[in-house]
Amino acid sequence: HRFSSGQVVVSVEHASFDLPRWAGHLGLSEGFLRSHHGWDPGAAAVGQRLAEAFDAPLHLGEWSRLLVDLNRSCSNPRVIPSRSGHRKIPGNAGLDLQIRQERLDRYWRPYRMAAEKDLDEAVARHGQALHLSIHSFTPRLRGDIRRNHFGLLYCPSWKAEKAMADSLARWLAGSRYRVRRNYPYSGLDDGFCMRMRAGRSRRRYLGMEIEINQALLRPPTGVARCADVLLGALREQISV
């Protein structure tokens, strides 16, 4: 099965470490915000390259995941995290329900609604939507060394998603990259793609969260090289 470029929508939920002026640094250091705790380094640049190549709508998260996590459902307690790793987030402590709701309405809901609108429009126009959600992960987390270059997160019981993961994994492995499926996170965890599957036909929506090891994204050439590798793999699936 091949997709047309008109069916593709690209999103990067953790594209930025920025915070609105009123939030200050949420009681954290700037270094912590700029680390993998505050965003997914390199993911936005890769997402931009993919969207340009496939002439696809692109959705970039404007604010740090520590303000509001666009890759979590609004009902998830971690959508406004109280801590990241072992670090408490003072600016998120003790928020009452009204403040939480106001923050979600202002910073979470517009992003999710805009991306969902483009996905539903792709289905309406072309019969199916391919959602590429781009993320990056730290090579080391709490002593766990993550040696894979790419992670493909999907729902194994959705045949089209599994078939696409199989194809991408073969291509990337053939190019000497280490690939793991549903690692370093599970495609069945609460995330944007998982949420989008709810209430949508598996024949109409296909979601693939692509995780990139941040060790591959280091400047000066890491982003361009990773984007080119993913484009090579994805062009096996997408007609431009």
C-alpha atoms as a PDB file:
ATOM      1  CA  HIS A   1       0.000   0.000   0.000  1.00  0.00           C
ATOM      2  CA  ARG A   2       1.301   3.431  -0.971  1.00  0.00           C
ATOM      3  CA  PHE A   3       0.184   6.818   0.266  1.00  0.00           C
ATOM      4  CA  SER A   4      -0.034  10.052  -1.679  1.00  0.00           C
ATOM      5  CA  SER A   5       1.633  13.193  -0.365  1.00  0.00           C
ATOM      6  CA  GLY A   6      -1.825  14.727   0.133  1.00  0.00           C
ATOM      7  CA  GLN A   7      -2.560  12.145   2.811  1.00  0.00           C
ATOM      8  CA  VAL A   8       0.442  13.055   4.995  1.00  0.00           C
ATOM      9  CA  VAL A   9       0.317  15.264   8.087  1.00  0.00           C
ATOM     10  CA  VAL A  10       3.481  15.873  10.152  1.00  0.00           C
ATOM     11  CA  SER A  11       3.428  16.878  13.812  1.00  0.00           C
ATOM     12  CA  VAL A  12       6.197  17.608  16.317  1.00  0.00           C
ATOM     13  CA  GLU A  13       4.675  17.874  19.765  1.00  0.00           C
ATOM     14  CA  HIS A  14       7.894  18.637  21.650  1.00  0.00           C
ATOM     15  CA  ALA A  15       9.380  21.068  19.137  1.00  0.00           C
ATOM     16  CA  SER A  16      10.336  23.890  21.534  1.00  0.00           C
ATOM     17  CA  PHE A  17      11.734  24.592  24.997  1.00  0.00           C
ATOM     18  CA  ASP A  18      10.207  28.092  25.071  1.00  0.00           C
ATOM     19  CA  LEU A  19       7.851  29.271  27.791  1.00  0.00           C
ATOM     20  CA  PRO A  20       5.411  32.195  27.762  1.00  0.00           C
ATOM     21  CA  ARG A  21       6.730  35.248  29.595  1.00  0.00           C
ATOM     22  CA  TRP A  22       4.290  34.914  32.496  1.00  0.00           C
ATOM     23  CA  ALA A  23       5.649  31.438  33.329  1.00  0.00           C
ATOM     24  CA  GLY A  24       9.241  32.540  33.823  1.00  0.00           C
ATOM     25  CA  HIS A  25      11.261  29.325  33.966  1.00  0.00           C
ATOM     26  CA  LEU A  26       8.588  27.453  35.996  1.00  0.00           C
ATOM     27  CA  GLY A  27      11.097  27.610  38.835  1.00  0.00           C
ATOM     28  CA  LEU A  28      13.685  25.658  36.839  1.00  0.00           C
ATOM     29  CA  SER A  29      17.091  26.545  35.447  1.00  0.00           C
ATOM     30  CA  GLU A  30      17.443  27.516  31.804  1.00  0.00           C
ATOM     31  CA  GLY A  31      19.846  24.608  31.357  1.00  0.00           C
ATOM     32  CA  PHE A  32      17.195  22.155  32.527  1.00  0.00           C
ATOM     33  CA  LEU A  33      14.628  23.651  30.130  1.00  0.00           C
ATOM     34  CA  ARG A  34      17.071  23.331  27.223  1.00  0.00           C
ATOM     35  CA  SER A  35      17.831  19.702  28.066  1.00  0.00           C
ATOM     36  CA  HIS A  36      15.823  16.702  26.862  1.00  0.00           C
ATOM     37  CA  HIS A  37      13.492  17.306  29.805  1.00  0.00           C
ATOM     38  CA  GLY A  38      12.127  20.472  28.203  1.00  0.00           C
ATOM     39  CA  TRP A  39      11.836  19.442  24.545  1.00  0.00           C
ATOM     40  CA  ASP A  40      12.946  16.978  21.851  1.00  0.00           C
ATOM     41  CA  PRO A  41      16.160  18.468  20.400  1.00  0.00           C
ATOM     42  CA  GLY A  42      16.368  18.183  16.625  1.00  0.00           C
ATOM     43  CA  ALA A  43      12.846  16.864  16.125  1.00  0.00           C
ATOM     44  CA  ALA A  44      11.417  20.123  14.764  1.00  0.00           C
ATOM     45  CA  ALA A  45      14.108  20.463  12.089  1.00  0.00           C
ATOM     46  CA  VAL A  46      13.573  16.867  10.936  1.00  0.00           C
ATOM     47  CA  GLY A  47       9.807  17.366  10.909  1.00  0.00           C
ATOM     48  CA  GLN A  48      10.205  20.494   8.787  1.00  0.00           C
ATOM     49  CA  ARG A  49      12.321  18.614   6.239  1.00  0.00           C
ATOM     50  CA  LEU A  50       9.765  15.813   5.979  1.00  0.00           C
ATOM     51  CA  ALA A  51       6.825  18.200   5.646  1.00  0.00           C
ATOM     52  CA  GLU A  52       8.602  20.148   2.896  1.00  0.00           C
ATOM     53  CA  ALA A  53       9.486  16.981   0.991  1.00  0.00           C
ATOM     54  CA  PHE A  54       5.900  15.688   1.055  1.00  0.00           C
ATOM     55  CA  ASP A  55       4.227  19.119   0.814  1.00  0.00           C
ATOM     56  CA  ALA A  56       2.405  18.186   4.021  1.00  0.00           C
ATOM     57  CA  PRO A  57       0.814  20.291   6.754  1.00  0.00           C
ATOM     58  CA  LEU A  58       3.244  20.751   9.644  1.00  0.00           C
ATOM     59  CA  HIS A  59       2.306  21.272  13.277  1.00  0.00           C
ATOM     60  CA  LEU A  60       5.075  22.385  15.646  1.00  0.00           C
ATOM     61  CA  GLY A  61       4.496  22.655  19.376  1.00  0.00           C
ATOM     62  CA  GLU A  62       5.209  26.252  20.362  1.00  0.00           C
ATOM     63  CA  TRP A  63       5.954  25.741  24.076  1.00  0.00           C
ATOM     64  CA  SER A  64       7.949  23.429  26.312  1.00  0.00           C
ATOM     65  CA  ARG A  65       6.481  20.063  27.216  1.00  0.00           C
ATOM     66  CA  LEU A  66       6.929  21.159  30.846  1.00  0.00           C
ATOM     67  CA  LEU A  67       4.241  23.834  30.412  1.00  0.00           C
ATOM     68  CA  VAL A  68       1.811  21.400  28.808  1.00  0.00           C
ATOM     69  CA  ASP A  69       2.567  18.085  27.103  1.00  0.00           C
ATOM     70  CA  LEU A  70       0.972  18.036  23.657  1.00  0.00           C
ATOM     71  CA  ASN A  71       1.650  14.306  23.377  1.00  0.00           C
ATOM     72  CA  ARG A  72      -0.626  13.495  26.329  1.00  0.00           C
ATOM     73  CA  SER A  73      -4.406  13.374  26.480  1.00  0.00           C
ATOM     74  CA  CYS A  74      -6.038  16.225  28.360  1.00  0.00           C
ATOM     75  CA  SER A  75      -7.285  13.782  31.020  1.00  0.00           C
ATOM     76  CA  ASN A  76      -3.788  12.415  31.679  1.00  0.00           C
ATOM     77  CA  PRO A  77      -2.411  13.774  35.001  1.00  0.00           C
ATOM     78  CA  ARG A  78       0.979  14.140  33.273  1.00  0.00           C
ATOM     79  CA  VAL A  79      -0.352  16.538  30.647  1.00  0.00           C
ATOM     80  CA  ILE A  80       0.813  19.269  33.052  1.00  0.00           C
ATOM     81  CA  PRO A  81       3.711  17.443  34.703  1.00  0.00           C
ATOM     82  CA  SER A  82       4.499  17.891  38.376  1.00  0.00           C
ATOM     83  CA  ARG A  83       8.050  16.585  37.859  1.00  0.00           C
ATOM     84  CA  SER A  84      10.452  15.600  35.131  1.00  0.00           C
ATOM     85  CA  GLY A  85      12.852  12.849  36.020  1.00  0.00           C
ATOM     86  CA  HIS A  86      13.720  13.429  39.675  1.00  0.00           C
ATOM     87  CA  ARG A  87      13.154  17.190  39.440  1.00  0.00           C
ATOM     88  CA  LYS A  88       9.983  18.772  40.773  1.00  0.00           C
ATOM     89  CA  ILE A  89       8.515  21.591  38.670  1.00  0.00           C
ATOM     90  CA  PRO A  90       7.664  24.407  41.099  1.00  0.00           C
ATOM     91  CA  GLY A  91       5.616  26.363  38.569  1.00  0.00           C
ATOM     92  CA  ASN A  92       3.256  23.403  38.149  1.00  0.00           C
ATOM     93  CA  ALA A  93       2.763  22.656  41.839  1.00  0.00           C
ATOM     94  CA  GLY A  94      -0.637  22.951  43.484  1.00  0.00           C
ATOM     95  CA  LEU A  95      -2.607  24.065  40.444  1.00  0.00           C
ATOM     96  CA  ASP A  96      -6.343  23.985  41.018  1.00  0.00           C
ATOM     97  CA  LEU A  97      -8.725  22.556  38.433  1.00  0.00           C
ATOM     98  CA  GLN A  98      -9.660  25.929  36.981  1.00  0.00           C
ATOM     99  CA  ILE A  99      -6.045  26.963  36.369  1.00  0.00           C
ATOM    100  CA  ARG A 100      -5.255  23.584  34.842  1.00  0.00           C
ATOM    101  CA  GLN A 101      -8.246  23.869  32.532  1.00  0.00           C
ATOM    102  CA  GLU A 102      -7.326  27.414  31.527  1.00  0.00           C
ATOM    103  CA  ARG A 103      -3.811  26.309  30.658  1.00  0.00           C
ATOM    104  CA  LEU A 104      -5.110  23.392  28.590  1.00  0.00           C
ATOM    105  CA  ASP A 105      -7.596  25.621  26.785  1.00  0.00           C
ATOM    106  CA  ARG A 106      -4.931  28.163  25.942  1.00  0.00           C
ATOM    107  CA  TYR A 107      -1.901  26.010  25.120  1.00  0.00           C
ATOM    108  CA  TRP A 108      -3.006  22.396  24.498  1.00  0.00           C
ATOM    109  CA  ARG A 109      -6.377  22.467  22.787  1.00  0.00           C
ATOM    110  CA  PRO A 110      -5.563  24.781  19.812  1.00  0.00           C
ATOM    111  CA  TYR A 111      -2.607  22.618  18.763  1.00  0.00           C
ATOM    112  CA  ARG A 112      -4.479  19.345  18.981  1.00  0.00           C
ATOM    113  CA  MET A 113      -7.576  20.705  17.245  1.00  0.00           C
ATOM    114  CA  ALA A 114      -5.549  22.165  14.365  1.00  0.00           C
ATOM    115  CA  ALA A 115      -3.668  18.901  13.771  1.00  0.00           C
ATOM    116  CA  GLU A 116      -6.856  16.831  13.999  1.00  0.00           C
ATOM    117  CA  LYS A 117      -8.529  19.158  11.492  1.00  0.00           C
ATOM    118  CA  ASP A 118      -5.767  18.558   8.939  1.00  0.00           C
ATOM    119  CA  LEU A 119      -5.903  14.801   9.505  1.00  0.00           C
ATOM    120  CA  ASP A 120      -9.677  14.716   9.069  1.00  0.00           C
ATOM    121  CA  GLU A 121      -9.404  16.875   5.936  1.00  0.00           C
ATOM    122  CA  ALA A 122      -6.876  14.434   4.470  1.00  0.00           C
ATOM    123  CA  VAL A 123      -9.386  11.631   5.039  1.00  0.00           C
ATOM    124  CA  ALA A 124     -12.207  13.661   3.506  1.00  0.00           C
ATOM    125  CA  ARG A 125     -10.157  14.513   0.401  1.00  0.00           C
ATOM    126  CA  HIS A 126      -8.089  11.390  -0.104  1.00  0.00           C
ATOM    127  CA  GLY A 127      -9.803   8.627   1.878  1.00  0.00           C
ATOM    128  CA  GLN A 128      -6.978   8.102   4.346  1.00  0.00           C
ATOM    129  CA  ALA A 129      -4.534  10.063   6.511  1.00  0.00           C
ATOM    130  CA  LEU A 130      -0.934   9.189   7.358  1.00  0.00           C
ATOM    131  CA  HIS A 131       0.131  10.893  10.574  1.00  0.00           C
ATOM    132  CA  LEU A 132       3.892  11.147  11.161  1.00  0.00           C
ATOM    133  CA  SER A 133       4.611  12.286  14.722  1.00  0.00           C
ATOM    134  CA  ILE A 134       8.324  13.093  15.070  1.00  0.00           C
ATOM    135  CA  HIS A 135      10.172  12.859  18.384  1.00  0.00           C
ATOM    136  CA  SER A 136      13.714  12.427  19.673  1.00  0.00           C
ATOM    137  CA  PHE A 137      14.992  10.593  22.746  1.00  0.00           C
ATOM    138  CA  THR A 138      18.011  10.926  24.980  1.00  0.00           C
ATOM    139  CA  PRO A 139      20.647   8.187  24.524  1.00  0.00           C
ATOM    140  CA  ARG A 140      20.860   7.631  28.277  1.00  0.00           C
ATOM    141  CA  LEU A 141      18.028   7.780  30.792  1.00  0.00           C
ATOM    142  CA  ARG A 142      18.463   6.873  34.470  1.00  0.00           C
ATOM    143  CA  GLY A 143      21.327   4.515  33.673  1.00  0.00           C
ATOM    144  CA  ASP A 144      19.578   2.866  30.716  1.00  0.00           C
ATOM    145  CA  ILE A 145      21.721   3.173  27.589  1.00  0.00           C
ATOM    146  CA  ARG A 146      19.541   3.245  24.485  1.00  0.00           C
ATOM    147  CA  ARG A 147      21.598   1.930  21.587  1.00  0.00           C
ATOM    148  CA  ASN A 148      18.991   1.973  18.832  1.00  0.00           C
ATOM    149  CA  HIS A 149      19.080   4.787  16.288  1.00  0.00           C
ATOM    150  CA  PHE A 150      15.355   4.833  15.556  1.00  0.00           C
ATOM    151  CA  GLY A 151      12.220   3.740  17.353  1.00  0.00           C
ATOM    152  CA  LEU A 152       8.947   3.054  15.526  1.00  0.00           C
ATOM    153  CA  LEU A 153       5.875   3.388  17.717  1.00  0.00           C
ATOM    154  CA  TYR A 154       2.618   1.968  16.393  1.00  0.00           C
ATOM    155  CA  CYS A 155      -0.331  -0.282  17.236  1.00  0.00           C
ATOM    156  CA  PRO A 156       0.603  -3.909  16.408  1.00  0.00           C
ATOM    157  CA  SER A 157      -3.027  -4.969  15.964  1.00  0.00           C
ATOM    158  CA  TRP A 158      -3.552  -2.386  13.184  1.00  0.00           C
ATOM    159  CA  LYS A 159      -2.310  -4.274  10.120  1.00  0.00           C
ATOM    160  CA  ALA A 160      -1.525  -1.202   8.031  1.00  0.00           C
ATOM    161  CA  GLU A 161       0.592   0.314  10.804  1.00  0.00           C
ATOM    162  CA  LYS A 162       2.445  -2.954  11.348  1.00  0.00           C
ATOM    163  CA  ALA A 163       3.087  -3.309   7.611  1.00  0.00           C
ATOM    164  CA  MET A 164       4.477   0.202   7.434  1.00  0.00           C
ATOM    165  CA  ALA A 165       6.672  -0.403  10.489  1.00  0.00           C
ATOM    166  CA  ASP A 166       7.962  -3.602   8.844  1.00  0.00           C
ATOM    167  CA  SER A 167       8.856  -1.733   5.677  1.00  0.00           C
ATOM    168  CA  LEU A 168      10.541   1.182   7.465  1.00  0.00           C
ATOM    169  CA  ALA A 169      12.484  -1.168   9.747  1.00  0.00           C
ATOM    170  CA  ARG A 170      13.762  -3.214   6.777  1.00  0.00           C
ATOM    171  CA  TRP A 171      14.880  -0.111   4.895  1.00  0.00           C
ATOM    172  CA  LEU A 172      16.614   1.454   7.883  1.00  0.00           C
ATOM    173  CA  ALA A 173      18.284  -1.820   8.901  1.00  0.00           C
ATOM    174  CA  GLY A 174      19.482  -2.228   5.311  1.00  0.00           C
ATOM    175  CA  SER A 175      21.112   1.183   5.666  1.00  0.00           C
ATOM    176  CA  ARG A 176      22.940  -0.052   8.784  1.00  0.00           C
ATOM    177  CA  TYR A 177      20.772   1.700  11.342  1.00  0.00           C
ATOM    178  CA  ARG A 178      19.568  -0.023  14.502  1.00  0.00           C
ATOM    179  CA  VAL A 179      15.798   0.004  14.756  1.00  0.00           C
ATOM    180  CA  ARG A 180      13.508  -1.107  17.569  1.00  0.00           C
ATOM    181  CA  ARG A 181       9.745  -1.291  17.519  1.00  0.00           C
ATOM    182  CA  ASN A 182       7.677   0.291  20.277  1.00  0.00           C
ATOM    183  CA  TYR A 183      10.853   1.376  22.052  1.00  0.00           C
ATOM    184  CA  PRO A 184      11.971   3.431  23.945  1.00  0.00           C
ATOM    185  CA  TYR A 185       8.228   3.858  24.526  1.00  0.00           C
ATOM    186  CA  SER A 186       5.196   1.819  23.586  1.00  0.00           C
ATOM    187  CA  GLY A 187       2.922   2.818  20.748  1.00  0.00           C
ATOM    188  CA  LEU A 188       0.073   1.767  23.026  1.00  0.00           C
ATOM    189  CA  ASP A 189       0.931   4.376  25.669  1.00  0.00           C
ATOM    190  CA  ASP A 190      -1.101   7.560  25.869  1.00  0.00           C
ATOM    191  CA  GLY A 191       0.138   9.688  22.994  1.00  0.00           C
ATOM    192  CA  PHE A 192      -1.217  11.762  20.135  1.00  0.00           C
ATOM    193  CA  CYS A 193      -1.294   8.868  17.648  1.00  0.00           C
ATOM    194  CA  MET A 194      -2.891   6.534  20.168  1.00  0.00           C
ATOM    195  CA  ARG A 195      -5.552   9.114  20.942  1.00  0.00           C
ATOM    196  CA  MET A 196      -6.239   9.683  17.254  1.00  0.00           C
ATOM    197  CA  ARG A 197      -6.969   5.993  16.722  1.00  0.00           C
ATOM    198  CA  ALA A 198      -9.879   6.190  19.135  1.00  0.00           C
ATOM    199  CA  GLY A 199     -13.095   6.604  17.197  1.00  0.00           C
ATOM    200  CA  ARG A 200     -11.362   6.410  13.794  1.00  0.00           C
ATOM    201  CA  SER A 201     -11.321   3.572  11.324  1.00  0.00           C
ATOM    202  CA  ARG A 202      -8.041   1.729  10.871  1.00  0.00           C
ATOM    203  CA  ARG A 203      -8.723   1.970   7.142  1.00  0.00           C
ATOM    204  CA  ARG A 204      -8.855   5.764   7.360  1.00  0.00           C
ATOM    205  CA  TYR A 205      -6.121   6.665   9.863  1.00  0.00           C
ATOM    206  CA  LEU A 206      -2.553   5.419  10.167  1.00  0.00           C
ATOM    207  CA  GLY A 207      -0.317   6.861  12.870  1.00  0.00           C
ATOM    208  CA  MET A 208       3.433   6.346  13.176  1.00  0.00           C
ATOM    209  CA  GLU A 209       5.451   7.988  15.935  1.00  0.00           C
ATOM    210  CA  ILE A 210       9.079   8.079  14.832  1.00  0.00           C
ATOM    211  CA  GLU A 211      11.629   8.390  17.630  1.00  0.00           C
ATOM    212  CA  ILE A 212      15.190   9.465  16.767  1.00  0.00           C
ATOM    213  CA  ASN A 213      18.196   8.979  19.025  1.00  0.00           C
ATOM    214  CA  GLN A 214      19.507  12.445  19.872  1.00  0.00           C
ATOM    215  CA  ALA A 215      23.060  11.181  19.383  1.00  0.00           C
ATOM    216  CA  LEU A 216      22.289  11.110  15.630  1.00  0.00           C
ATOM    217  CA  LEU A 217      21.032  14.690  15.593  1.00  0.00           C
ATOM    218  CA  ARG A 218      24.157  16.459  16.769  1.00  0.00           C
ATOM    219  CA  PRO A 219      25.366  19.403  14.669  1.00  0.00           C
ATOM    220  CA  PRO A 220      26.535  20.301  12.184  1.00  0.00           C
ATOM    221  CA  THR A 221      25.216  17.553   9.886  1.00  0.00           C
ATOM    222  CA  GLY A 222      23.134  15.297  12.134  1.00  0.00           C
ATOM    223  CA  VAL A 223      19.691  16.719  11.375  1.00  0.00           C
ATOM    224  CA  ALA A 224      20.166  16.782   7.617  1.00  0.00           C
ATOM    225  CA  ARG A 225      21.560  13.247   7.602  1.00  0.00           C
ATOM    226  CA  CYS A 226      18.686  11.891   9.726  1.00  0.00           C
ATOM    227  CA  ALA A 227      16.086  13.649   7.618  1.00  0.00           C
ATOM    228  CA  ASP A 228      17.595  12.232   4.431  1.00  0.00           C
ATOM    229  CA  VAL A 229      17.635   8.723   5.892  1.00  0.00           C
ATOM    230  CA  LEU A 230      13.989   8.936   6.946  1.00  0.00           C
ATOM    231  CA  LEU A 231      13.009  10.400   3.585  1.00  0.00           C
ATOM    232  CA  GLY A 232      14.633   7.461   1.863  1.00  0.00           C
ATOM    233  CA  ALA A 233      12.671   5.024   4.003  1.00  0.00           C
ATOM    234  CA  LEU A 234       9.381   6.915   3.746  1.00  0.00           C
ATOM    235  CA  ARG A 235       9.578   7.321  -0.028  1.00  0.00           C
ATOM    236  CA  GLU A 236       9.115   3.563  -0.222  1.00  0.00           C
ATOM    237  CA  GLN A 237       5.649   4.263   1.210  1.00  0.00           C
ATOM    238  CA  ILE A 238       4.695   7.731  -0.038  1.00  0.00           C
ATOM    239  CA  SER A 239       4.332   8.900  -3.632  1.00  0.00           C
ATOM    240  CA  VAL A 240       5.304  12.535  -4.184  1.00  0.00           C
END
